[in-house]
Amino acid sequence: MISLIISIVALAGVLGLAAWLAVSGAFFGPGQGPLTGQLQGLSSGSSVRGADLETELTAMIRDDGGEVTDMRCPDTPSVGQGVVTVCHGSISGDPWAVIVFFEDSAGRFTLQPV
């Protein structure tokens, strides 16, 4: 009988913790999942200056709720489907690598902080 009561109390604690995490946004808060964007003014096979990509990524991450400092991206010689570049910076006080997956030569990309 005592083990049944302890089990019920433990289950109630786990369910309460799960409810708190869901309500607080711990599972679905800012920064969860990839972000998408597009660099403007690119033509087929265009190159992207690292400074331009840094500006775009900083704005996207800030719009998503992160505080960005010291974002650095390399120049990308040619943008097209499957081209990947990695930027580094500090997001909300922690060092991050940000992977940019270009989707096409028009500058559409998916951003994934890791």
PDB file of N, CA and C in Angstrom:
ATOM      1  N   MET A   1       0.824  -1.188   0.000  1.00  0.00           N
ATOM      2  CA  MET A   1       0.000   0.000   0.000  1.00  0.00           C
ATOM      3  C   MET A   1       0.876   1.263   0.000  1.00  0.00           C
ATOM      4  N   ILE A   2       1.946   1.234   0.790  1.00  0.00           N
ATOM      5  CA  ILE A   2       2.837   2.393   0.853  1.00  0.00           C
ATOM      6  C   ILE A   2       3.507   2.616  -0.490  1.00  0.00           C
ATOM      7  N   SER A   3       3.894   1.535  -1.171  1.00  0.00           N
ATOM      8  CA  SER A   3       4.538   1.686  -2.485  1.00  0.00           C
ATOM      9  C   SER A   3       3.576   2.288  -3.502  1.00  0.00           C
ATOM     10  N   LEU A   4       2.299   1.996  -3.411  1.00  0.00           N
ATOM     11  CA  LEU A   4       1.301   2.588  -4.300  1.00  0.00           C
ATOM     12  C   LEU A   4       1.197   4.091  -4.059  1.00  0.00           C
ATOM     13  N   ILE A   5       1.188   4.509  -2.841  1.00  0.00           N
ATOM     14  CA  ILE A   5       1.112   5.934  -2.502  1.00  0.00           C
ATOM     15  C   ILE A   5       2.365   6.662  -2.990  1.00  0.00           C
ATOM     16  N   ILE A   6       3.526   6.084  -2.779  1.00  0.00           N
ATOM     17  CA  ILE A   6       4.779   6.692  -3.240  1.00  0.00           C
ATOM     18  C   ILE A   6       4.788   6.799  -4.766  1.00  0.00           C
ATOM     19  N   SER A   7       4.292   5.771  -5.444  1.00  0.00           N
ATOM     20  CA  SER A   7       4.222   5.789  -6.908  1.00  0.00           C
ATOM     21  C   SER A   7       3.300   6.900  -7.404  1.00  0.00           C
ATOM     22  N   ILE A   8       2.172   7.072  -6.758  1.00  0.00           N
ATOM     23  CA  ILE A   8       1.211   8.123  -7.143  1.00  0.00           C
ATOM     24  C   ILE A   8       1.819   9.503  -6.921  1.00  0.00           C
ATOM     25  N   VAL A   9       2.506   9.696  -5.802  1.00  0.00           N
ATOM     26  CA  VAL A   9       3.162  10.981  -5.526  1.00  0.00           C
ATOM     27  C   VAL A   9       4.259  11.258  -6.555  1.00  0.00           C
ATOM     28  N   ALA A  10       5.037  10.241  -6.904  1.00  0.00           N
ATOM     29  CA  ALA A  10       6.090  10.409  -7.905  1.00  0.00           C
ATOM     30  C   ALA A  10       5.494  10.745  -9.270  1.00  0.00           C
ATOM     31  N   LEU A  11       4.434  10.062  -9.657  1.00  0.00           N
ATOM     32  CA  LEU A  11       3.764  10.341 -10.928  1.00  0.00           C
ATOM     33  C   LEU A  11       3.213  11.760 -10.954  1.00  0.00           C
ATOM     34  N   ALA A  12       2.611  12.188  -9.859  1.00  0.00           N
ATOM     35  CA  ALA A  12       2.087  13.553  -9.779  1.00  0.00           C
ATOM     36  C   ALA A  12       3.217  14.576  -9.916  1.00  0.00           C
ATOM     37  N   GLY A  13       4.371  14.279  -9.319  1.00  0.00           N
ATOM     38  CA  GLY A  13       5.516  15.185  -9.441  1.00  0.00           C
ATOM     39  C   GLY A  13       6.025  15.283 -10.869  1.00  0.00           C
ATOM     40  N   VAL A  14       6.112  14.158 -11.548  1.00  0.00           N
ATOM     41  CA  VAL A  14       6.574  14.151 -12.942  1.00  0.00           C
ATOM     42  C   VAL A  14       5.589  14.908 -13.825  1.00  0.00           C
ATOM     43  N   LEU A  15       4.304  14.662 -13.653  1.00  0.00           N
ATOM     44  CA  LEU A  15       3.294  15.370 -14.448  1.00  0.00           C
ATOM     45  C   LEU A  15       3.305  16.871 -14.160  1.00  0.00           C
ATOM     46  N   GLY A  16       3.505  17.228 -12.896  1.00  0.00           N
ATOM     47  CA  GLY A  16       3.592  18.644 -12.542  1.00  0.00           C
ATOM     48  C   GLY A  16       4.801  19.308 -13.177  1.00  0.00           C
ATOM     49  N   LEU A  17       5.947  18.629 -13.175  1.00  0.00           N
ATOM     50  CA  LEU A  17       7.155  19.161 -13.804  1.00  0.00           C
ATOM     51  C   LEU A  17       6.957  19.321 -15.312  1.00  0.00           C
ATOM     52  N   ALA A  18       6.353  18.335 -15.957  1.00  0.00           N
ATOM     53  CA  ALA A  18       6.096  18.411 -17.399  1.00  0.00           C
ATOM     54  C   ALA A  18       5.167  19.581 -17.718  1.00  0.00           C
ATOM     55  N   ALA A  19       4.133  19.776 -16.904  1.00  0.00           N
ATOM     56  CA  ALA A  19       3.209  20.897 -17.121  1.00  0.00           C
ATOM     57  C   ALA A  19       3.927  22.223 -16.943  1.00  0.00           C
ATOM     58  N   TRP A  20       4.778  22.332 -15.948  1.00  0.00           N
ATOM     59  CA  TRP A  20       5.519  23.580 -15.732  1.00  0.00           C
ATOM     60  C   TRP A  20       6.446  23.871 -16.901  1.00  0.00           C
ATOM     61  N   LEU A  21       7.161  22.860 -17.405  1.00  0.00           N
ATOM     62  CA  LEU A  21       8.053  23.054 -18.546  1.00  0.00           C
ATOM     63  C   LEU A  21       7.281  23.481 -19.788  1.00  0.00           C
ATOM     64  N   ALA A  22       6.122  22.888 -20.013  1.00  0.00           N
ATOM     65  CA  ALA A  22       5.315  23.241 -21.186  1.00  0.00           C
ATOM     66  C   ALA A  22       4.798  24.673 -21.083  1.00  0.00           C
ATOM     67  N   VAL A  23       4.331  25.071 -19.909  1.00  0.00           N
ATOM     68  CA  VAL A  23       3.800  26.424 -19.723  1.00  0.00           C
ATOM     69  C   VAL A  23       4.913  27.466 -19.750  1.00  0.00           C
ATOM     70  N   SER A  24       6.067  27.141 -19.217  1.00  0.00           N
ATOM     71  CA  SER A  24       7.164  28.115 -19.151  1.00  0.00           C
ATOM     72  C   SER A  24       7.847  28.312 -20.493  1.00  0.00           C
ATOM     73  N   GLY A  25       7.556  27.445 -21.460  1.00  0.00           N
ATOM     74  CA  GLY A  25       8.172  27.576 -22.774  1.00  0.00           C
ATOM     75  C   GLY A  25       9.517  26.897 -22.887  1.00  0.00           C
ATOM     76  N   ALA A  26       9.875  26.081 -21.939  1.00  0.00           N
ATOM     77  CA  ALA A  26      11.175  25.428 -21.980  1.00  0.00           C
ATOM     78  C   ALA A  26      11.323  24.522 -23.199  1.00  0.00           C
ATOM     79  N   PHE A  27      10.225  23.926 -23.653  1.00  0.00           N
ATOM     80  CA  PHE A  27      10.289  23.061 -24.824  1.00  0.00           C
ATOM     81  C   PHE A  27      10.137  23.834 -26.131  1.00  0.00           C
ATOM     82  N   PHE A  28       9.379  24.919 -26.110  1.00  0.00           N
ATOM     83  CA  PHE A  28       9.014  25.593 -27.349  1.00  0.00           C
ATOM     84  C   PHE A  28       9.399  27.064 -27.368  1.00  0.00           C
ATOM     85  N   GLY A  29      10.384  27.456 -26.589  1.00  0.00           N
ATOM     86  CA  GLY A  29      10.773  28.861 -26.492  1.00  0.00           C
ATOM     87  C   GLY A  29      11.588  29.319 -27.683  1.00  0.00           C
ATOM     88  N   PRO A  30      12.025  30.602 -27.667  1.00  0.00           N
ATOM     89  CA  PRO A  30      12.845  31.128 -28.744  1.00  0.00           C
ATOM     90  C   PRO A  30      14.099  30.293 -28.940  1.00  0.00           C
ATOM     91  N   GLY A  31      14.528  30.194 -30.181  1.00  0.00           N
ATOM     92  CA  GLY A  31      15.741  29.470 -30.487  1.00  0.00           C
ATOM     93  C   GLY A  31      15.539  27.988 -30.701  1.00  0.00           C
ATOM     94  N   GLN A  32      14.290  27.511 -30.640  1.00  0.00           N
ATOM     95  CA  GLN A  32      14.023  26.099 -30.859  1.00  0.00           C
ATOM     96  C   GLN A  32      13.783  25.868 -32.341  1.00  0.00           C
ATOM     97  N   GLY A  33      14.613  25.060 -32.950  1.00  0.00           N
ATOM     98  CA  GLY A  33      14.429  24.732 -34.353  1.00  0.00           C
ATOM     99  C   GLY A  33      15.119  25.714 -35.274  1.00  0.00           C
ATOM    100  N   PRO A  34      15.164  25.366 -36.559  1.00  0.00           N
ATOM    101  CA  PRO A  34      15.868  26.208 -37.531  1.00  0.00           C
ATOM    102  C   PRO A  34      15.076  27.454 -37.905  1.00  0.00           C
ATOM    103  N   LEU A  35      15.799  28.493 -38.288  1.00  0.00           N
ATOM    104  CA  LEU A  35      15.212  29.711 -38.814  1.00  0.00           C
ATOM    105  C   LEU A  35      15.462  29.749 -40.317  1.00  0.00           C
ATOM    106  N   THR A  36      14.608  30.421 -41.059  1.00  0.00           N
ATOM    107  CA  THR A  36      14.808  30.560 -42.494  1.00  0.00           C
ATOM    108  C   THR A  36      14.824  32.029 -42.872  1.00  0.00           C
ATOM    109  N   GLY A  37      15.526  32.340 -43.950  1.00  0.00           N
ATOM    110  CA  GLY A  37      15.604  33.717 -44.418  1.00  0.00           C
ATOM    111  C   GLY A  37      16.056  33.770 -45.858  1.00  0.00           C
ATOM    112  N   GLN A  38      16.248  34.985 -46.341  1.00  0.00           N
ATOM    113  CA  GLN A  38      16.738  35.171 -47.701  1.00  0.00           C
ATOM    114  C   GLN A  38      17.563  36.441 -47.776  1.00  0.00           C
ATOM    115  N   LEU A  39      18.724  36.324 -48.396  1.00  0.00           N
ATOM    116  CA  LEU A  39      19.552  37.491 -48.677  1.00  0.00           C
ATOM    117  C   LEU A  39      19.023  38.144 -49.943  1.00  0.00           C
ATOM    118  N   GLN A  40      18.856  39.431 -49.924  1.00  0.00           N
ATOM    119  CA  GLN A  40      18.273  40.147 -51.063  1.00  0.00           C
ATOM    120  C   GLN A  40      19.345  40.544 -52.070  1.00  0.00           C
ATOM    121  N   GLY A  41      18.936  40.665 -53.331  1.00  0.00           N
ATOM    122  CA  GLY A  41      19.802  41.215 -54.366  1.00  0.00           C
ATOM    123  C   GLY A  41      20.849  40.276 -54.914  1.00  0.00           C
ATOM    124  N   LEU A  42      20.642  38.973 -54.788  1.00  0.00           N
ATOM    125  CA  LEU A  42      21.621  38.026 -55.323  1.00  0.00           C
ATOM    126  C   LEU A  42      21.166  37.540 -56.693  1.00  0.00           C
ATOM    127  N   SER A  43      22.121  37.337 -57.574  1.00  0.00           N
ATOM    128  CA  SER A  43      21.831  36.712 -58.856  1.00  0.00           C
ATOM    129  C   SER A  43      22.480  35.328 -58.853  1.00  0.00           C
ATOM    130  N   SER A  44      22.186  34.532 -59.862  1.00  0.00           N
ATOM    131  CA  SER A  44      22.685  33.163 -59.933  1.00  0.00           C
ATOM    132  C   SER A  44      24.207  33.125 -59.795  1.00  0.00           C
ATOM    133  N   GLY A  45      24.691  32.322 -58.852  1.00  0.00           N
ATOM    134  CA  GLY A  45      26.126  32.158 -58.646  1.00  0.00           C
ATOM    135  C   GLY A  45      26.802  33.308 -57.923  1.00  0.00           C
ATOM    136  N   SER A  46      26.033  34.213 -57.343  1.00  0.00           N
ATOM    137  CA  SER A  46      26.618  35.360 -56.646  1.00  0.00           C
ATOM    138  C   SER A  46      27.420  34.934 -55.433  1.00  0.00           C
ATOM    139  N   SER A  47      28.361  35.773 -55.076  1.00  0.00           N
ATOM    140  CA  SER A  47      29.085  35.565 -53.825  1.00  0.00           C
ATOM    141  C   SER A  47      28.422  36.404 -52.739  1.00  0.00           C
ATOM    142  N   VAL A  48      28.681  36.026 -51.495  1.00  0.00           N
ATOM    143  CA  VAL A  48      28.122  36.752 -50.352  1.00  0.00           C
ATOM    144  C   VAL A  48      29.272  37.179 -49.466  1.00  0.00           C
ATOM    145  N   ARG A  49      29.311  38.480 -49.167  1.00  0.00           N
ATOM    146  CA  ARG A  49      30.309  38.977 -48.218  1.00  0.00           C
ATOM    147  C   ARG A  49      29.927  38.513 -46.819  1.00  0.00           C
ATOM    148  N   GLY A  50      30.929  38.117 -46.051  1.00  0.00           N
ATOM    149  CA  GLY A  50      30.684  37.686 -44.684  1.00  0.00           C
ATOM    150  C   GLY A  50      29.983  38.752 -43.853  1.00  0.00           C
ATOM    151  N   ALA A  51      30.342  40.013 -44.060  1.00  0.00           N
ATOM    152  CA  ALA A  51      29.733  41.105 -43.291  1.00  0.00           C
ATOM    153  C   ALA A  51      28.233  41.207 -43.566  1.00  0.00           C
ATOM    154  N   ASP A  52      27.815  40.974 -44.827  1.00  0.00           N
ATOM    155  CA  ASP A  52      26.391  41.028 -45.160  1.00  0.00           C
ATOM    156  C   ASP A  52      25.625  39.892 -44.498  1.00  0.00           C
ATOM    157  N   LEU A  53      26.216  38.700 -44.488  1.00  0.00           N
ATOM    158  CA  LEU A  53      25.584  37.553 -43.842  1.00  0.00           C
ATOM    159  C   LEU A  53      25.521  37.757 -42.327  1.00  0.00           C
ATOM    160  N   GLU A  54      26.573  38.318 -41.752  1.00  0.00           N
ATOM    161  CA  GLU A  54      26.581  38.611 -40.312  1.00  0.00           C
ATOM    162  C   GLU A  54      25.426  39.524 -39.926  1.00  0.00           C
ATOM    163  N   THR A  55      25.202  40.569 -40.715  1.00  0.00           N
ATOM    164  CA  THR A  55      24.124  41.522 -40.438  1.00  0.00           C
ATOM    165  C   THR A  55      22.768  40.842 -40.496  1.00  0.00           C
ATOM    166  N   GLU A  56      22.543  40.027 -41.519  1.00  0.00           N
ATOM    167  CA  GLU A  56      21.266  39.328 -41.680  1.00  0.00           C
ATOM    168  C   GLU A  56      21.030  38.329 -40.550  1.00  0.00           C
ATOM    169  N   LEU A  57      22.033  37.540 -40.210  1.00  0.00           N
ATOM    170  CA  LEU A  57      21.879  36.548 -39.148  1.00  0.00           C
ATOM    171  C   LEU A  57      21.652  37.201 -37.795  1.00  0.00           C
ATOM    172  N   THR A  58      22.385  38.271 -37.523  1.00  0.00           N
ATOM    173  CA  THR A  58      22.207  38.984 -36.254  1.00  0.00           C
ATOM    174  C   THR A  58      20.777  39.481 -36.113  1.00  0.00           C
ATOM    175  N   ALA A  59      20.223  40.061 -37.173  1.00  0.00           N
ATOM    176  CA  ALA A  59      18.846  40.557 -37.131  1.00  0.00           C
ATOM    177  C   ALA A  59      17.848  39.411 -36.917  1.00  0.00           C
ATOM    178  N   MET A  60      18.053  38.291 -37.613  1.00  0.00           N
ATOM    179  CA  MET A  60      17.144  37.150 -37.471  1.00  0.00           C
ATOM    180  C   MET A  60      17.164  36.582 -36.057  1.00  0.00           C
ATOM    181  N   ILE A  61      18.351  36.422 -35.512  1.00  0.00           N
ATOM    182  CA  ILE A  61      18.466  35.837 -34.171  1.00  0.00           C
ATOM    183  C   ILE A  61      17.896  36.779 -33.128  1.00  0.00           C
ATOM    184  N   ARG A  62      18.104  38.070 -33.286  1.00  0.00           N
ATOM    185  CA  ARG A  62      17.507  39.036 -32.351  1.00  0.00           C
ATOM    186  C   ARG A  62      15.989  39.028 -32.452  1.00  0.00           C
ATOM    187  N   ASP A  63      15.458  38.929 -33.667  1.00  0.00           N
ATOM    188  CA  ASP A  63      14.006  38.848 -33.840  1.00  0.00           C
ATOM    189  C   ASP A  63      13.438  37.591 -33.186  1.00  0.00           C
ATOM    190  N   ASP A  64      14.247  36.543 -33.089  1.00  0.00           N
ATOM    191  CA  ASP A  64      13.821  35.288 -32.475  1.00  0.00           C
ATOM    192  C   ASP A  64      14.012  35.291 -30.956  1.00  0.00           C
ATOM    193  N   GLY A  65      14.539  36.381 -30.403  1.00  0.00           N
ATOM    194  CA  GLY A  65      14.649  36.498 -28.955  1.00  0.00           C
ATOM    195  C   GLY A  65      16.042  36.334 -28.388  1.00  0.00           C
ATOM    196  N   GLY A  66      17.052  36.167 -29.235  1.00  0.00           N
ATOM    197  CA  GLY A  66      18.421  36.019 -28.753  1.00  0.00           C
ATOM    198  C   GLY A  66      19.173  37.339 -28.796  1.00  0.00           C
ATOM    199  N   GLU A  67      20.171  37.484 -27.950  1.00  0.00           N
ATOM    200  CA  GLU A  67      21.045  38.662 -27.947  1.00  0.00           C
ATOM    201  C   GLU A  67      22.359  38.253 -28.580  1.00  0.00           C
ATOM    202  N   VAL A  68      22.722  38.893 -29.680  1.00  0.00           N
ATOM    203  CA  VAL A  68      23.891  38.495 -30.467  1.00  0.00           C
ATOM    204  C   VAL A  68      25.022  39.495 -30.282  1.00  0.00           C
ATOM    205  N   THR A  69      26.231  38.977 -30.041  1.00  0.00           N
ATOM    206  CA  THR A  69      27.423  39.806 -30.029  1.00  0.00           C
ATOM    207  C   THR A  69      28.510  39.101 -30.815  1.00  0.00           C
ATOM    208  N   ASP A  70      29.292  39.864 -31.517  1.00  0.00           N
ATOM    209  CA  ASP A  70      30.488  39.379 -32.195  1.00  0.00           C
ATOM    210  C   ASP A  70      30.242  38.231 -33.174  1.00  0.00           C
ATOM    211  N   MET A  71      29.219  38.365 -34.034  1.00  0.00           N
ATOM    212  CA  MET A  71      28.959  37.346 -35.065  1.00  0.00           C
ATOM    213  C   MET A  71      29.976  37.517 -36.184  1.00  0.00           C
ATOM    214  N   ARG A  72      30.631  36.433 -36.585  1.00  0.00           N
ATOM    215  CA  ARG A  72      31.631  36.447 -37.656  1.00  0.00           C
ATOM    216  C   ARG A  72      31.300  35.356 -38.669  1.00  0.00           C
ATOM    217  N   CYS A  73      31.199  35.755 -39.948  1.00  0.00           N
ATOM    218  CA  CYS A  73      30.931  34.815 -41.036  1.00  0.00           C
ATOM    219  C   CYS A  73      31.996  34.974 -42.110  1.00  0.00           C
ATOM    220  N   PRO A  74      32.404  33.877 -42.731  1.00  0.00           N
ATOM    221  CA  PRO A  74      33.367  33.978 -43.830  1.00  0.00           C
ATOM    222  C   PRO A  74      32.666  34.425 -45.119  1.00  0.00           C
ATOM    223  N   ASP A  75      33.440  34.943 -46.055  1.00  0.00           N
ATOM    224  CA  ASP A  75      32.900  35.220 -47.380  1.00  0.00           C
ATOM    225  C   ASP A  75      32.531  33.888 -48.017  1.00  0.00           C
ATOM    226  N   THR A  76      31.414  33.872 -48.751  1.00  0.00           N
ATOM    227  CA  THR A  76      30.976  32.667 -49.449  1.00  0.00           C
ATOM    228  C   THR A  76      31.129  32.923 -50.943  1.00  0.00           C
ATOM    229  N   PRO A  77      32.034  32.217 -51.618  1.00  0.00           N
ATOM    230  CA  PRO A  77      32.363  32.531 -53.005  1.00  0.00           C
ATOM    231  C   PRO A  77      31.210  32.375 -53.990  1.00  0.00           C
ATOM    232  N   SER A  78      30.331  31.399 -53.769  1.00  0.00           N
ATOM    233  CA  SER A  78      29.228  31.172 -54.693  1.00  0.00           C
ATOM    234  C   SER A  78      28.059  30.573 -53.928  1.00  0.00           C
ATOM    235  N   VAL A  79      26.882  31.198 -54.022  1.00  0.00           N
ATOM    236  CA  VAL A  79      25.700  30.734 -53.307  1.00  0.00           C
ATOM    237  C   VAL A  79      24.854  29.889 -54.250  1.00  0.00           C
ATOM    238  N   GLY A  80      24.437  28.734 -53.779  1.00  0.00           N
ATOM    239  CA  GLY A  80      23.577  27.844 -54.548  1.00  0.00           C
ATOM    240  C   GLY A  80      23.068  26.734 -53.668  1.00  0.00           C
ATOM    241  N   GLN A  81      22.240  25.875 -54.239  1.00  0.00           N
ATOM    242  CA  GLN A  81      21.682  24.767 -53.484  1.00  0.00           C
ATOM    243  C   GLN A  81      22.804  23.875 -52.951  1.00  0.00           C
ATOM    244  N   GLY A  82      22.734  23.577 -51.657  1.00  0.00           N
ATOM    245  CA  GLY A  82      23.706  22.694 -51.030  1.00  0.00           C
ATOM    246  C   GLY A  82      24.955  23.370 -50.500  1.00  0.00           C
ATOM    247  N   VAL A  83      25.100  24.665 -50.729  1.00  0.00           N
ATOM    248  CA  VAL A  83      26.265  25.385 -50.199  1.00  0.00           C
ATOM    249  C   VAL A  83      26.045  25.625 -48.711  1.00  0.00           C
ATOM    250  N   VAL A  84      27.073  25.356 -47.919  1.00  0.00           N
ATOM    251  CA  VAL A  84      26.988  25.498 -46.470  1.00  0.00           C
ATOM    252  C   VAL A  84      28.136  26.378 -46.001  1.00  0.00           C
ATOM    253  N   THR A  85      27.839  27.260 -45.048  1.00  0.00           N
ATOM    254  CA  THR A  85      28.888  28.042 -44.400  1.00  0.00           C
ATOM    255  C   THR A  85      28.613  28.045 -42.898  1.00  0.00           C
ATOM    256  N   VAL A  86      29.645  28.268 -42.126  1.00  0.00           N
ATOM    257  CA  VAL A  86      29.512  28.259 -40.669  1.00  0.00           C
ATOM    258  C   VAL A  86      29.975  29.593 -40.121  1.00  0.00           C
ATOM    259  N   CYS A  87      29.127  30.210 -39.305  1.00  0.00           N
ATOM    260  CA  CYS A  87      29.455  31.478 -38.653  1.00  0.00           C
ATOM    261  C   CYS A  87      29.625  31.205 -37.153  1.00  0.00           C
ATOM    262  N   HIS A  88      30.363  32.080 -36.497  1.00  0.00           N
ATOM    263  CA  HIS A  88      30.611  31.925 -35.063  1.00  0.00           C
ATOM    264  C   HIS A  88      30.301  33.237 -34.366  1.00  0.00           C
ATOM    265  N   GLY A  89      29.762  33.135 -33.164  1.00  0.00           N
ATOM    266  CA  GLY A  89      29.475  34.332 -32.387  1.00  0.00           C
ATOM    267  C   GLY A  89      28.973  33.957 -31.014  1.00  0.00           C
ATOM    268  N   SER A  90      28.506  34.954 -30.311  1.00  0.00           N
ATOM    269  CA  SER A  90      27.955  34.766 -28.982  1.00  0.00           C
ATOM    270  C   SER A  90      26.469  35.086 -29.029  1.00  0.00           C
ATOM    271  N   ILE A  91      25.647  34.119 -28.612  1.00  0.00           N
ATOM    272  CA  ILE A  91      24.197  34.304 -28.575  1.00  0.00           C
ATOM    273  C   ILE A  91      23.751  34.174 -27.134  1.00  0.00           C
ATOM    274  N   SER A  92      23.151  35.228 -26.621  1.00  0.00           N
ATOM    275  CA  SER A  92      22.667  35.273 -25.236  1.00  0.00           C
ATOM    276  C   SER A  92      23.765  34.897 -24.246  1.00  0.00           C
ATOM    277  N   GLY A  93      24.993  35.352 -24.541  1.00  0.00           N
ATOM    278  CA  GLY A  93      26.111  35.177 -23.626  1.00  0.00           C
ATOM    279  C   GLY A  93      26.899  33.888 -23.782  1.00  0.00           C
ATOM    280  N   ASP A  94      26.439  32.987 -24.652  1.00  0.00           N
ATOM    281  CA  ASP A  94      27.135  31.713 -24.841  1.00  0.00           C
ATOM    282  C   ASP A  94      27.728  31.634 -26.244  1.00  0.00           C
ATOM    283  N   PRO A  95      28.906  31.016 -26.386  1.00  0.00           N
ATOM    284  CA  PRO A  95      29.491  30.866 -27.725  1.00  0.00           C
ATOM    285  C   PRO A  95      28.691  29.847 -28.547  1.00  0.00           C
ATOM    286  N   TRP A  96      28.436  30.196 -29.811  1.00  0.00           N
ATOM    287  CA  TRP A  96      27.668  29.332 -30.707  1.00  0.00           C
ATOM    288  C   TRP A  96      28.335  29.267 -32.066  1.00  0.00           C
ATOM    289  N   ALA A  97      28.173  28.144 -32.733  1.00  0.00           N
ATOM    290  CA  ALA A  97      28.432  28.032 -34.167  1.00  0.00           C
ATOM    291  C   ALA A  97      27.061  28.049 -34.830  1.00  0.00           C
ATOM    292  N   VAL A  98      26.938  28.770 -35.921  1.00  0.00           N
ATOM    293  CA  VAL A  98      25.669  28.877 -36.632  1.00  0.00           C
ATOM    294  C   VAL A  98      25.892  28.331 -38.040  1.00  0.00           C
ATOM    295  N   ILE A  99      25.193  27.258 -38.382  1.00  0.00           N
ATOM    296  CA  ILE A  99      25.335  26.650 -39.705  1.00  0.00           C
ATOM    297  C   ILE A  99      24.288  27.260 -40.626  1.00  0.00           C
ATOM    298  N   VAL A 100      24.744  27.746 -41.783  1.00  0.00           N
ATOM    299  CA  VAL A 100      23.856  28.342 -42.777  1.00  0.00           C
ATOM    300  C   VAL A 100      23.830  27.408 -43.979  1.00  0.00           C
ATOM    301  N   PHE A 101      22.648  26.863 -44.275  1.00  0.00           N
ATOM    302  CA  PHE A 101      22.442  25.980 -45.423  1.00  0.00           C
ATOM    303  C   PHE A 101      21.749  26.783 -46.517  1.00  0.00           C
ATOM    304  N   PHE A 102      22.456  27.094 -47.594  1.00  0.00           N
ATOM    305  CA  PHE A 102      21.825  27.814 -48.704  1.00  0.00           C
ATOM    306  C   PHE A 102      20.974  26.840 -49.503  1.00  0.00           C
ATOM    307  N   GLU A 103      19.770  27.275 -49.861  1.00  0.00           N
ATOM    308  CA  GLU A 103      18.820  26.418 -50.555  1.00  0.00           C
ATOM    309  C   GLU A 103      18.808  26.638 -52.060  1.00  0.00           C
ATOM    310  N   ASP A 104      19.215  27.833 -52.499  1.00  0.00           N
ATOM    311  CA  ASP A 104      19.211  28.127 -53.937  1.00  0.00           C
ATOM    312  C   ASP A 104      20.099  29.335 -54.212  1.00  0.00           C
ATOM    313  N   SER A 105      20.234  29.679 -55.495  1.00  0.00           N
ATOM    314  CA  SER A 105      21.096  30.808 -55.864  1.00  0.00           C
ATOM    315  C   SER A 105      20.426  32.154 -55.622  1.00  0.00           C
ATOM    316  N   ALA A 106      19.142  32.154 -55.237  1.00  0.00           N
ATOM    317  CA  ALA A 106      18.446  33.398 -54.919  1.00  0.00           C
ATOM    318  C   ALA A 106      18.739  33.865 -53.489  1.00  0.00           C
ATOM    319  N   GLY A 107      19.486  33.078 -52.730  1.00  0.00           N
ATOM    320  CA  GLY A 107      19.876  33.490 -51.388  1.00  0.00           C
ATOM    321  C   GLY A 107      19.001  32.980 -50.275  1.00  0.00           C
ATOM    322  N   ARG A 108      18.051  32.077 -50.560  1.00  0.00           N
ATOM    323  CA  ARG A 108      17.243  31.504 -49.490  1.00  0.00           C
ATOM    324  C   ARG A 108      18.118  30.549 -48.684  1.00  0.00           C
ATOM    325  N   PHE A 109      17.940  30.590 -47.362  1.00  0.00           N
ATOM    326  CA  PHE A 109      18.771  29.741 -46.496  1.00  0.00           C
ATOM    327  C   PHE A 109      18.024  29.314 -45.256  1.00  0.00           C
ATOM    328  N   THR A 110      18.549  28.265 -44.658  1.00  0.00           N
ATOM    329  CA  THR A 110      18.080  27.789 -43.352  1.00  0.00           C
ATOM    330  C   THR A 110      19.244  27.937 -42.397  1.00  0.00           C
ATOM    331  N   LEU A 111      18.935  28.406 -41.214  1.00  0.00           N
ATOM    332  CA  LEU A 111      19.937  28.697 -40.198  1.00  0.00           C
ATOM    333  C   LEU A 111      19.711  27.761 -39.019  1.00  0.00           C
ATOM    334  N   GLN A 112      20.776  27.114 -38.572  1.00  0.00           N
ATOM    335  CA  GLN A 112      20.678  26.204 -37.426  1.00  0.00           C
ATOM    336  C   GLN A 112      21.806  26.483 -36.438  1.00  0.00           C
ATOM    337  N   PRO A 113      21.478  27.092 -35.276  1.00  0.00           N
ATOM    338  CA  PRO A 113      22.516  27.267 -34.249  1.00  0.00           C
ATOM    339  C   PRO A 113      22.849  25.921 -33.617  1.00  0.00           C
ATOM    340  N   VAL A 114      24.146  25.679 -33.422  1.00  0.00           N
ATOM    341  CA  VAL A 114      24.564  24.445 -32.753  1.00  0.00           C
ATOM    342  C   VAL A 114      25.575  24.749 -31.659  1.00  0.00           C
TER     343      VAL A 114
END
